[in-house]
């Protein structure tokens, strides 16, 4: 009995470690896409764009994903595309270790004893719970990541607001206190709950549906196909809340006044001034980030589990 308990504890520890490692790999590969996405989401923020779609599109600094990549590389070099990498790794090692690592134990607590025939609603609930817990803990790392990635090359005579991750944490804490590190915690947690309730269950359910139907067998091809479906589903559900989260985290107080008082305020102001499509700014880079991130993460997660003798997801 003691040996069985030790084995289960070790398996749960390994699950958290492998979840963090696989997500760190996914985030490293997609960091440049994340930078482009952040810049596009913040461009022309709250400028009146109703009835001016063509004019707005023409006047964009980043005229699409590919152009954004070229412009950032031209203005800031390769380092510009890897801004926010350090806090991103810190975030994945905490947030993603928890959200992916605790998904299966929470699913079991909800009564899922057979991975091949678990109802979808139990998977969605497990994902929402694990995402909420992970994001609540790791919000400060997400905040710093967003602010570092949002910084462009300073104009002559100006300097970067945050020259490093350490400087960002220090300045935010000194000027805004501990609450400053949790700015945007509401939309961040909502996004994490939606993302995890979509991404992991979509992967899990697609995989076992294909296995149960006999269309595919356990292996890398199945992992890639399942993660592609999960990536698209996740991008569609998270883009609006991701825009809101990014804007709230990046806002700066002016004379004590903030642009947005809450996530709902940001949501409605964005729709009012930019139209519904404003909530899908940066959708292509968001999809191009989440897609590869999901594929890399689950592929490595499954291979690492296989390597240490753990059963597949």
C-alpha atoms as a PDB file:
ATOM      1  CA  UNK A   1       0.000   0.000   0.000  1.00  0.00           C
ATOM      2  CA  UNK A   2       2.814   2.386   0.943  1.00  0.00           C
ATOM      3  CA  UNK A   3       4.611   1.561  -2.307  1.00  0.00           C
ATOM      4  CA  UNK A   4       1.441   2.274  -4.329  1.00  0.00           C
ATOM      5  CA  UNK A   5       0.955   5.628  -2.552  1.00  0.00           C
ATOM      6  CA  UNK A   6       4.575   6.589  -3.244  1.00  0.00           C
ATOM      7  CA  UNK A   7       4.174   5.643  -6.910  1.00  0.00           C
ATOM      8  CA  UNK A   8       1.044   7.802  -7.239  1.00  0.00           C
ATOM      9  CA  UNK A   9       2.743  10.759  -5.515  1.00  0.00           C
ATOM     10  CA  UNK A  10       5.779  10.397  -7.771  1.00  0.00           C
ATOM     11  CA  UNK A  11       3.538  10.210 -10.838  1.00  0.00           C
ATOM     12  CA  UNK A  12       1.743  13.398  -9.835  1.00  0.00           C
ATOM     13  CA  UNK A  13       5.058  15.164  -9.238  1.00  0.00           C
ATOM     14  CA  UNK A  14       6.331  14.038 -12.637  1.00  0.00           C
ATOM     15  CA  UNK A  15       3.085  15.170 -14.243  1.00  0.00           C
ATOM     16  CA  UNK A  16       3.623  18.727 -12.946  1.00  0.00           C
ATOM     17  CA  UNK A  17       7.306  18.760 -13.949  1.00  0.00           C
ATOM     18  CA  UNK A  18       6.627  17.447 -17.459  1.00  0.00           C
ATOM     19  CA  UNK A  19       3.701  19.842 -17.897  1.00  0.00           C
ATOM     20  CA  UNK A  20       5.949  22.807 -17.098  1.00  0.00           C
ATOM     21  CA  UNK A  21       8.822  21.585 -19.286  1.00  0.00           C
ATOM     22  CA  UNK A  22       6.616  20.897 -22.322  1.00  0.00           C
ATOM     23  CA  UNK A  23       4.872  24.274 -22.068  1.00  0.00           C
ATOM     24  CA  UNK A  24       8.214  26.068 -21.725  1.00  0.00           C
ATOM     25  CA  UNK A  25       9.294  24.434 -24.994  1.00  0.00           C
ATOM     26  CA  UNK A  26       6.069  25.536 -26.670  1.00  0.00           C
ATOM     27  CA  UNK A  27       6.413  29.107 -25.377  1.00  0.00           C
ATOM     28  CA  UNK A  28      10.049  29.352 -26.512  1.00  0.00           C
ATOM     29  CA  UNK A  29       9.150  28.339 -30.056  1.00  0.00           C
ATOM     30  CA  UNK A  30       6.225  30.770 -30.267  1.00  0.00           C
ATOM     31  CA  UNK A  31       7.594  33.815 -28.373  1.00  0.00           C
ATOM     32  CA  UNK A  32       8.133  35.859 -31.587  1.00  0.00           C
ATOM     33  CA  UNK A  33       4.504  35.230 -32.580  1.00  0.00           C
ATOM     34  CA  UNK A  34       3.376  36.307 -29.115  1.00  0.00           C
ATOM     35  CA  UNK A  35       5.257  39.609 -29.434  1.00  0.00           C
ATOM     36  CA  UNK A  36       3.619  40.317 -32.818  1.00  0.00           C
ATOM     37  CA  UNK A  37       0.198  39.433 -31.403  1.00  0.00           C
ATOM     38  CA  UNK A  38       0.626  41.808 -28.434  1.00  0.00           C
ATOM     39  CA  UNK A  39       1.712  44.688 -30.691  1.00  0.00           C
ATOM     40  CA  UNK A  40      -1.225  44.160 -33.058  1.00  0.00           C
ATOM     41  CA  UNK A  41      -3.727  43.976 -30.203  1.00  0.00           C
ATOM     42  CA  UNK A  42      -2.545  47.318 -28.812  1.00  0.00           C
ATOM     43  CA  UNK A  43      -2.350  49.172 -32.134  1.00  0.00           C
ATOM     44  CA  UNK A  44      -4.792  52.103 -32.560  1.00  0.00           C
ATOM     45  CA  UNK A  45      -6.227  51.261 -29.164  1.00  0.00           C
ATOM     46  CA  UNK A  46      -9.609  52.975 -28.621  1.00  0.00           C
ATOM     47  CA  UNK A  47      -9.263  55.107 -31.755  1.00  0.00           C
ATOM     48  CA  UNK A  48     -12.624  55.666 -33.423  1.00  0.00           C
ATOM     49  CA  UNK A  49     -12.658  53.127 -36.228  1.00  0.00           C
ATOM     50  CA  UNK A  50     -16.371  52.788 -36.896  1.00  0.00           C
ATOM     51  CA  UNK A  51     -17.036  53.312 -40.592  1.00  0.00           C
ATOM     52  CA  UNK A  52     -13.291  53.739 -41.181  1.00  0.00           C
ATOM     53  CA  UNK A  53     -12.236  50.138 -41.700  1.00  0.00           C
ATOM     54  CA  UNK A  54     -10.336  50.754 -44.955  1.00  0.00           C
ATOM     55  CA  UNK A  55      -8.624  53.886 -43.601  1.00  0.00           C
ATOM     56  CA  UNK A  56      -7.687  52.119 -40.369  1.00  0.00           C
ATOM     57  CA  UNK A  57      -6.226  49.146 -42.220  1.00  0.00           C
ATOM     58  CA  UNK A  58      -4.143  51.448 -44.434  1.00  0.00           C
ATOM     59  CA  UNK A  59      -2.747  53.427 -41.494  1.00  0.00           C
ATOM     60  CA  UNK A  60      -1.676  50.461 -39.372  1.00  0.00           C
ATOM     61  CA  UNK A  61       1.980  50.365 -38.340  1.00  0.00           C
ATOM     62  CA  UNK A  62       1.895  46.572 -38.457  1.00  0.00           C
ATOM     63  CA  UNK A  63       0.052  45.747 -41.676  1.00  0.00           C
ATOM     64  CA  UNK A  64      -0.594  42.121 -40.907  1.00  0.00           C
ATOM     65  CA  UNK A  65       1.315  39.306 -39.268  1.00  0.00           C
ATOM     66  CA  UNK A  66       4.162  38.920 -41.787  1.00  0.00           C
ATOM     67  CA  UNK A  67       4.683  42.682 -42.055  1.00  0.00           C
ATOM     68  CA  UNK A  68       4.681  42.950 -38.269  1.00  0.00           C
ATOM     69  CA  UNK A  69       7.445  40.361 -38.037  1.00  0.00           C
ATOM     70  CA  UNK A  70       9.536  42.214 -40.635  1.00  0.00           C
ATOM     71  CA  UNK A  71       9.010  45.619 -38.979  1.00  0.00           C
ATOM     72  CA  UNK A  72       9.886  44.393 -35.486  1.00  0.00           C
ATOM     73  CA  UNK A  73      12.982  42.615 -36.801  1.00  0.00           C
ATOM     74  CA  UNK A  74      13.994  45.749 -38.758  1.00  0.00           C
ATOM     75  CA  UNK A  75      13.430  48.126 -35.831  1.00  0.00           C
ATOM     76  CA  UNK A  76      14.589  45.953 -32.935  1.00  0.00           C
ATOM     77  CA  UNK A  77      16.511  43.006 -34.329  1.00  0.00           C
ATOM     78  CA  UNK A  78      16.020  39.374 -33.354  1.00  0.00           C
ATOM     79  CA  UNK A  79      16.011  40.366 -29.671  1.00  0.00           C
ATOM     80  CA  UNK A  80      12.849  42.367 -30.305  1.00  0.00           C
ATOM     81  CA  UNK A  81      11.031  39.177 -31.250  1.00  0.00           C
ATOM     82  CA  UNK A  82      12.145  37.543 -28.009  1.00  0.00           C
ATOM     83  CA  UNK A  83      11.100  40.328 -25.661  1.00  0.00           C
ATOM     84  CA  UNK A  84       9.387  38.943 -22.598  1.00  0.00           C
ATOM     85  CA  UNK A  85      11.015  35.517 -22.966  1.00  0.00           C
ATOM     86  CA  UNK A  86      12.305  35.371 -19.365  1.00  0.00           C
ATOM     87  CA  UNK A  87       8.964  36.165 -17.670  1.00  0.00           C
ATOM     88  CA  UNK A  88       7.303  33.864 -20.192  1.00  0.00           C
ATOM     89  CA  UNK A  89       9.467  30.972 -18.984  1.00  0.00           C
ATOM     90  CA  UNK A  90       8.736  31.910 -15.370  1.00  0.00           C
ATOM     91  CA  UNK A  91       5.039  32.003 -16.207  1.00  0.00           C
ATOM     92  CA  UNK A  92       5.007  28.621 -17.942  1.00  0.00           C
ATOM     93  CA  UNK A  93       6.961  26.974 -15.119  1.00  0.00           C
ATOM     94  CA  UNK A  94       4.263  28.058 -12.660  1.00  0.00           C
ATOM     95  CA  UNK A  95       0.969  28.647 -14.478  1.00  0.00           C
ATOM     96  CA  UNK A  96       1.221  25.853 -17.043  1.00  0.00           C
ATOM     97  CA  UNK A  97       2.710  23.353 -14.615  1.00  0.00           C
ATOM     98  CA  UNK A  98      -0.437  23.792 -12.540  1.00  0.00           C
ATOM     99  CA  UNK A  99      -3.075  24.027 -15.282  1.00  0.00           C
ATOM    100  CA  UNK A 100      -1.866  21.028 -17.299  1.00  0.00           C
ATOM    101  CA  UNK A 101      -0.423  19.091 -14.373  1.00  0.00           C
ATOM    102  CA  UNK A 102      -3.582  19.244 -12.268  1.00  0.00           C
ATOM    103  CA  UNK A 103      -6.057  18.623 -15.111  1.00  0.00           C
ATOM    104  CA  UNK A 104      -6.060  14.827 -14.810  1.00  0.00           C
ATOM    105  CA  UNK A 105      -6.217  14.667 -10.974  1.00  0.00           C
ATOM    106  CA  UNK A 106      -9.119  17.163 -10.979  1.00  0.00           C
ATOM    107  CA  UNK A 107     -10.852  15.158 -13.706  1.00  0.00           C
ATOM    108  CA  UNK A 108     -10.574  12.057 -11.515  1.00  0.00           C
ATOM    109  CA  UNK A 109     -12.004  13.987  -8.544  1.00  0.00           C
ATOM    110  CA  UNK A 110     -14.999  14.805 -10.750  1.00  0.00           C
ATOM    111  CA  UNK A 111     -15.557  11.090 -11.261  1.00  0.00           C
ATOM    112  CA  UNK A 112     -13.671  10.443 -14.500  1.00  0.00           C
ATOM    113  CA  UNK A 113     -12.353   6.918 -13.956  1.00  0.00           C
ATOM    114  CA  UNK A 114     -12.150   5.827 -17.611  1.00  0.00           C
ATOM    115  CA  UNK A 115     -10.076   8.211 -19.805  1.00  0.00           C
ATOM    116  CA  UNK A 116     -11.510   6.690 -22.996  1.00  0.00           C
ATOM    117  CA  UNK A 117     -15.151   7.322 -22.054  1.00  0.00           C
ATOM    118  CA  UNK A 118     -15.182  10.450 -19.903  1.00  0.00           C
ATOM    119  CA  UNK A 119     -18.077  12.878 -20.593  1.00  0.00           C
ATOM    120  CA  UNK A 120     -16.966  16.112 -22.247  1.00  0.00           C
ATOM    121  CA  UNK A 121     -18.503  18.284 -19.512  1.00  0.00           C
ATOM    122  CA  UNK A 122     -16.236  16.726 -16.872  1.00  0.00           C
ATOM    123  CA  UNK A 123     -13.200  17.516 -19.026  1.00  0.00           C
ATOM    124  CA  UNK A 124     -14.343  21.105 -19.527  1.00  0.00           C
ATOM    125  CA  UNK A 125     -14.945  21.586 -15.795  1.00  0.00           C
ATOM    126  CA  UNK A 126     -11.537  20.096 -14.948  1.00  0.00           C
ATOM    127  CA  UNK A 127      -9.864  22.409 -17.464  1.00  0.00           C
ATOM    128  CA  UNK A 128     -11.649  25.508 -16.175  1.00  0.00           C
ATOM    129  CA  UNK A 129     -10.726  24.717 -12.562  1.00  0.00           C
ATOM    130  CA  UNK A 130      -7.053  23.953 -13.264  1.00  0.00           C
ATOM    131  CA  UNK A 131      -6.707  27.039 -15.483  1.00  0.00           C
ATOM    132  CA  UNK A 132      -8.246  29.280 -12.830  1.00  0.00           C
ATOM    133  CA  UNK A 133      -5.927  27.997 -10.100  1.00  0.00           C
ATOM    134  CA  UNK A 134      -2.783  28.294 -12.220  1.00  0.00           C
ATOM    135  CA  UNK A 135      -3.572  31.775 -13.509  1.00  0.00           C
ATOM    136  CA  UNK A 136      -4.535  33.138 -10.079  1.00  0.00           C
ATOM    137  CA  UNK A 137      -1.069  32.247  -8.826  1.00  0.00           C
ATOM    138  CA  UNK A 138       0.962  33.296 -11.877  1.00  0.00           C
ATOM    139  CA  UNK A 139      -0.692  36.616 -12.889  1.00  0.00           C
ATOM    140  CA  UNK A 140       2.373  38.786 -11.969  1.00  0.00           C
ATOM    141  CA  UNK A 141       4.576  36.890 -14.445  1.00  0.00           C
ATOM    142  CA  UNK A 142       1.959  37.344 -17.171  1.00  0.00           C
ATOM    143  CA  UNK A 143       1.708  41.071 -16.430  1.00  0.00           C
ATOM    144  CA  UNK A 144       5.462  41.601 -16.727  1.00  0.00           C
ATOM    145  CA  UNK A 145       5.594  39.522 -19.916  1.00  0.00           C
ATOM    146  CA  UNK A 146       2.907  41.643 -21.585  1.00  0.00           C
ATOM    147  CA  UNK A 147       4.522  44.952 -20.619  1.00  0.00           C
ATOM    148  CA  UNK A 148       7.965  43.899 -21.818  1.00  0.00           C
ATOM    149  CA  UNK A 149       6.598  42.593 -25.116  1.00  0.00           C
ATOM    150  CA  UNK A 150       4.558  45.759 -25.692  1.00  0.00           C
ATOM    151  CA  UNK A 151       7.652  48.007 -25.571  1.00  0.00           C
ATOM    152  CA  UNK A 152       8.858  49.366 -28.890  1.00  0.00           C
ATOM    153  CA  UNK A 153      12.280  50.838 -29.601  1.00  0.00           C
ATOM    154  CA  UNK A 154      12.466  54.160 -27.680  1.00  0.00           C
ATOM    155  CA  UNK A 155      12.670  57.417 -29.619  1.00  0.00           C
ATOM    156  CA  UNK A 156      15.903  59.472 -29.508  1.00  0.00           C
ATOM    157  CA  UNK A 157      16.345  60.904 -26.022  1.00  0.00           C
ATOM    158  CA  UNK A 158      13.949  58.403 -24.481  1.00  0.00           C
ATOM    159  CA  UNK A 159      14.691  55.162 -22.654  1.00  0.00           C
ATOM    160  CA  UNK A 160      12.900  51.871 -22.220  1.00  0.00           C
ATOM    161  CA  UNK A 161      10.322  51.931 -19.458  1.00  0.00           C
ATOM    162  CA  UNK A 162      11.401  48.469 -18.317  1.00  0.00           C
ATOM    163  CA  UNK A 163      14.988  47.549 -19.310  1.00  0.00           C
ATOM    164  CA  UNK A 164      14.698  44.039 -17.839  1.00  0.00           C
ATOM    165  CA  UNK A 165      12.350  41.582 -16.141  1.00  0.00           C
ATOM    166  CA  UNK A 166      13.843  42.362 -12.741  1.00  0.00           C
ATOM    167  CA  UNK A 167      13.477  46.112 -13.310  1.00  0.00           C
ATOM    168  CA  UNK A 168       9.850  45.619 -14.344  1.00  0.00           C
ATOM    169  CA  UNK A 169       8.961  43.640 -11.219  1.00  0.00           C
ATOM    170  CA  UNK A 170      10.769  46.205  -9.044  1.00  0.00           C
ATOM    171  CA  UNK A 171       9.203  49.309 -10.608  1.00  0.00           C
ATOM    172  CA  UNK A 172       5.680  47.906 -10.668  1.00  0.00           C
ATOM    173  CA  UNK A 173       5.942  46.840  -7.022  1.00  0.00           C
ATOM    174  CA  UNK A 174       7.450  50.178  -5.900  1.00  0.00           C
ATOM    175  CA  UNK A 175       4.958  52.374  -7.777  1.00  0.00           C
ATOM    176  CA  UNK A 176       1.811  50.262  -7.665  1.00  0.00           C
ATOM    177  CA  UNK A 177       2.354  47.898  -4.750  1.00  0.00           C
ATOM    178  CA  UNK A 178       1.424  44.233  -4.662  1.00  0.00           C
ATOM    179  CA  UNK A 179      -1.935  45.108  -6.242  1.00  0.00           C
ATOM    180  CA  UNK A 180      -0.066  46.490  -9.225  1.00  0.00           C
ATOM    181  CA  UNK A 181       1.341  43.049  -9.940  1.00  0.00           C
ATOM    182  CA  UNK A 182      -2.209  41.731 -10.090  1.00  0.00           C
ATOM    183  CA  UNK A 183      -3.595  44.330 -12.498  1.00  0.00           C
ATOM    184  CA  UNK A 184      -5.790  42.481 -14.966  1.00  0.00           C
ATOM    185  CA  UNK A 185      -6.153  39.411 -12.757  1.00  0.00           C
ATOM    186  CA  UNK A 186      -9.872  39.265 -13.619  1.00  0.00           C
ATOM    187  CA  UNK A 187      -9.578  38.955 -17.415  1.00  0.00           C
ATOM    188  CA  UNK A 188      -6.381  36.931 -17.019  1.00  0.00           C
ATOM    189  CA  UNK A 189      -8.131  34.303 -14.910  1.00  0.00           C
ATOM    190  CA  UNK A 190     -11.161  34.350 -17.223  1.00  0.00           C
ATOM    191  CA  UNK A 191      -8.900  33.825 -20.235  1.00  0.00           C
ATOM    192  CA  UNK A 192      -7.030  31.014 -18.491  1.00  0.00           C
ATOM    193  CA  UNK A 193     -10.277  29.311 -17.519  1.00  0.00           C
ATOM    194  CA  UNK A 194     -11.637  29.573 -21.072  1.00  0.00           C
ATOM    195  CA  UNK A 195      -8.312  28.579 -22.646  1.00  0.00           C
ATOM    196  CA  UNK A 196      -7.743  25.543 -20.453  1.00  0.00           C
ATOM    197  CA  UNK A 197     -11.420  24.528 -20.595  1.00  0.00           C
ATOM    198  CA  UNK A 198     -11.055  24.534 -24.388  1.00  0.00           C
ATOM    199  CA  UNK A 199      -7.484  23.459 -25.139  1.00  0.00           C
ATOM    200  CA  UNK A 200      -6.926  20.409 -22.928  1.00  0.00           C
ATOM    201  CA  UNK A 201     -10.472  18.968 -23.201  1.00  0.00           C
ATOM    202  CA  UNK A 202     -10.445  19.529 -26.995  1.00  0.00           C
ATOM    203  CA  UNK A 203      -7.160  17.632 -27.237  1.00  0.00           C
ATOM    204  CA  UNK A 204      -8.320  14.943 -24.809  1.00  0.00           C
ATOM    205  CA  UNK A 205     -11.745  14.476 -26.429  1.00  0.00           C
ATOM    206  CA  UNK A 206     -10.497  14.580 -30.040  1.00  0.00           C
ATOM    207  CA  UNK A 207      -7.790  12.069 -29.244  1.00  0.00           C
ATOM    208  CA  UNK A 208     -10.075   9.544 -27.561  1.00  0.00           C
ATOM    209  CA  UNK A 209     -12.810  10.012 -30.180  1.00  0.00           C
ATOM    210  CA  UNK A 210     -10.306   9.105 -32.907  1.00  0.00           C
ATOM    211  CA  UNK A 211      -9.002   6.184 -30.849  1.00  0.00           C
ATOM    212  CA  UNK A 212     -12.470   4.844 -30.046  1.00  0.00           C
ATOM    213  CA  UNK A 213     -13.557   5.102 -33.689  1.00  0.00           C
ATOM    214  CA  UNK A 214     -10.495   3.174 -34.847  1.00  0.00           C
ATOM    215  CA  UNK A 215      -9.493   5.941 -37.264  1.00  0.00           C
ATOM    216  CA  UNK A 216      -6.084   6.389 -35.616  1.00  0.00           C
ATOM    217  CA  UNK A 217      -3.860   4.601 -33.127  1.00  0.00           C
ATOM    218  CA  UNK A 218      -1.866   5.954 -30.176  1.00  0.00           C
ATOM    219  CA  UNK A 219       1.247   7.738 -31.425  1.00  0.00           C
ATOM    220  CA  UNK A 220       2.775  11.015 -32.678  1.00  0.00           C
ATOM    221  CA  UNK A 221       0.363  11.388 -35.642  1.00  0.00           C
ATOM    222  CA  UNK A 222      -2.625  11.178 -33.317  1.00  0.00           C
ATOM    223  CA  UNK A 223      -1.031  13.682 -30.933  1.00  0.00           C
ATOM    224  CA  UNK A 224      -0.405  16.196 -33.739  1.00  0.00           C
ATOM    225  CA  UNK A 225      -3.903  15.922 -35.263  1.00  0.00           C
ATOM    226  CA  UNK A 226      -5.570  16.236 -31.855  1.00  0.00           C
ATOM    227  CA  UNK A 227      -3.454  19.236 -30.893  1.00  0.00           C
ATOM    228  CA  UNK A 228      -4.216  20.985 -34.221  1.00  0.00           C
ATOM    229  CA  UNK A 229      -7.951  20.720 -33.506  1.00  0.00           C
ATOM    230  CA  UNK A 230      -7.373  21.941 -29.952  1.00  0.00           C
ATOM    231  CA  UNK A 231      -5.281  24.895 -31.160  1.00  0.00           C
ATOM    232  CA  UNK A 232      -7.954  26.193 -33.544  1.00  0.00           C
ATOM    233  CA  UNK A 233     -10.744  25.772 -30.994  1.00  0.00           C
ATOM    234  CA  UNK A 234      -8.687  27.608 -28.372  1.00  0.00           C
ATOM    235  CA  UNK A 235      -7.860  30.560 -30.643  1.00  0.00           C
ATOM    236  CA  UNK A 236     -11.537  31.045 -31.514  1.00  0.00           C
ATOM    237  CA  UNK A 237     -12.717  31.056 -27.905  1.00  0.00           C
ATOM    238  CA  UNK A 238      -9.903  33.080 -26.318  1.00  0.00           C
ATOM    239  CA  UNK A 239      -9.203  35.919 -28.776  1.00  0.00           C
ATOM    240  CA  UNK A 240     -11.746  38.450 -27.390  1.00  0.00           C
ATOM    241  CA  UNK A 241     -10.774  37.935 -23.742  1.00  0.00           C
ATOM    242  CA  UNK A 242      -7.087  37.919 -24.757  1.00  0.00           C
ATOM    243  CA  UNK A 243      -7.440  41.398 -26.294  1.00  0.00           C
ATOM    244  CA  UNK A 244      -9.140  42.663 -23.120  1.00  0.00           C
ATOM    245  CA  UNK A 245      -6.479  41.073 -20.907  1.00  0.00           C
ATOM    246  CA  UNK A 246      -3.621  42.557 -22.946  1.00  0.00           C
ATOM    247  CA  UNK A 247      -5.064  46.070 -22.931  1.00  0.00           C
ATOM    248  CA  UNK A 248      -5.811  46.126 -19.210  1.00  0.00           C
ATOM    249  CA  UNK A 249      -2.359  44.798 -18.337  1.00  0.00           C
ATOM    250  CA  UNK A 250      -0.652  47.335 -20.601  1.00  0.00           C
ATOM    251  CA  UNK A 251      -2.624  50.414 -19.491  1.00  0.00           C
ATOM    252  CA  UNK A 252      -0.808  53.160 -17.617  1.00  0.00           C
ATOM    253  CA  UNK A 253      -2.378  55.475 -15.073  1.00  0.00           C
ATOM    254  CA  UNK A 254      -2.457  59.134 -16.131  1.00  0.00           C
ATOM    255  CA  UNK A 255      -2.945  61.491 -13.213  1.00  0.00           C
ATOM    256  CA  UNK A 256      -4.459  58.664 -11.231  1.00  0.00           C
ATOM    257  CA  UNK A 257      -6.953  57.926 -14.004  1.00  0.00           C
ATOM    258  CA  UNK A 258      -7.022  54.596 -15.793  1.00  0.00           C
ATOM    259  CA  UNK A 259      -8.284  53.993 -19.310  1.00  0.00           C
ATOM    260  CA  UNK A 260     -10.319  50.993 -18.195  1.00  0.00           C
ATOM    261  CA  UNK A 261     -11.992  50.487 -14.831  1.00  0.00           C
ATOM    262  CA  UNK A 262     -12.706  46.802 -15.373  1.00  0.00           C
ATOM    263  CA  UNK A 263     -12.677  43.982 -17.912  1.00  0.00           C
ATOM    264  CA  UNK A 264     -16.282  44.751 -18.859  1.00  0.00           C
ATOM    265  CA  UNK A 265     -15.421  48.448 -19.286  1.00  0.00           C
ATOM    266  CA  UNK A 266     -12.588  47.516 -21.656  1.00  0.00           C
ATOM    267  CA  UNK A 267     -14.839  45.064 -23.509  1.00  0.00           C
ATOM    268  CA  UNK A 268     -17.604  47.609 -24.146  1.00  0.00           C
ATOM    269  CA  UNK A 269     -15.246  50.527 -24.895  1.00  0.00           C
ATOM    270  CA  UNK A 270     -13.471  48.392 -27.483  1.00  0.00           C
ATOM    271  CA  UNK A 271     -16.750  47.439 -29.188  1.00  0.00           C
ATOM    272  CA  UNK A 272     -18.045  51.033 -29.025  1.00  0.00           C
ATOM    273  CA  UNK A 273     -14.974  52.627 -30.609  1.00  0.00           C
ATOM    274  CA  UNK A 274     -13.553  49.840 -32.772  1.00  0.00           C
ATOM    275  CA  UNK A 275     -16.527  47.619 -33.454  1.00  0.00           C
ATOM    276  CA  UNK A 276     -16.791  43.860 -32.750  1.00  0.00           C
ATOM    277  CA  UNK A 277     -13.750  43.138 -34.915  1.00  0.00           C
ATOM    278  CA  UNK A 278     -11.666  45.098 -32.416  1.00  0.00           C
ATOM    279  CA  UNK A 279     -12.002  42.096 -30.107  1.00  0.00           C
ATOM    280  CA  UNK A 280     -10.382  39.922 -32.751  1.00  0.00           C
ATOM    281  CA  UNK A 281      -7.351  42.120 -33.358  1.00  0.00           C
ATOM    282  CA  UNK A 282      -4.294  39.915 -33.515  1.00  0.00           C
ATOM    283  CA  UNK A 283      -6.422  36.806 -34.184  1.00  0.00           C
ATOM    284  CA  UNK A 284      -4.097  35.439 -36.883  1.00  0.00           C
ATOM    285  CA  UNK A 285      -0.931  35.697 -34.746  1.00  0.00           C
ATOM    286  CA  UNK A 286      -2.966  34.443 -31.778  1.00  0.00           C
ATOM    287  CA  UNK A 287      -3.970  31.373 -33.792  1.00  0.00           C
ATOM    288  CA  UNK A 288      -0.473  31.008 -35.218  1.00  0.00           C
ATOM    289  CA  UNK A 289       0.894  31.099 -31.672  1.00  0.00           C
ATOM    290  CA  UNK A 290      -1.666  28.864 -29.960  1.00  0.00           C
ATOM    291  CA  UNK A 291      -1.625  26.305 -32.790  1.00  0.00           C
ATOM    292  CA  UNK A 292       2.136  25.575 -32.767  1.00  0.00           C
ATOM    293  CA  UNK A 293       2.282  26.068 -28.984  1.00  0.00           C
ATOM    294  CA  UNK A 294      -0.418  23.424 -28.528  1.00  0.00           C
ATOM    295  CA  UNK A 295       1.231  21.009 -30.971  1.00  0.00           C
ATOM    296  CA  UNK A 296       4.701  21.368 -29.442  1.00  0.00           C
ATOM    297  CA  UNK A 297       3.383  21.220 -25.877  1.00  0.00           C
ATOM    298  CA  UNK A 298       1.255  18.097 -26.208  1.00  0.00           C
ATOM    299  CA  UNK A 299       3.695  16.301 -28.504  1.00  0.00           C
ATOM    300  CA  UNK A 300       6.561  16.793 -26.028  1.00  0.00           C
ATOM    301  CA  UNK A 301       4.282  16.124 -23.036  1.00  0.00           C
ATOM    302  CA  UNK A 302       3.205  12.775 -24.487  1.00  0.00           C
ATOM    303  CA  UNK A 303       6.756  11.784 -25.470  1.00  0.00           C
ATOM    304  CA  UNK A 304       8.154  12.682 -22.044  1.00  0.00           C
ATOM    305  CA  UNK A 305       5.403  10.675 -20.358  1.00  0.00           C
ATOM    306  CA  UNK A 306       6.206   7.714 -22.575  1.00  0.00           C
ATOM    307  CA  UNK A 307       9.899   8.099 -21.756  1.00  0.00           C
ATOM    308  CA  UNK A 308       9.360   7.695 -18.011  1.00  0.00           C
ATOM    309  CA  UNK A 309       6.689   5.010 -18.326  1.00  0.00           C
ATOM    310  CA  UNK A 310       3.544   7.084 -17.659  1.00  0.00           C
ATOM    311  CA  UNK A 311       0.382   6.244 -19.573  1.00  0.00           C
ATOM    312  CA  UNK A 312      -0.723   8.710 -22.310  1.00  0.00           C
ATOM    313  CA  UNK A 313      -3.229  11.504 -21.654  1.00  0.00           C
END
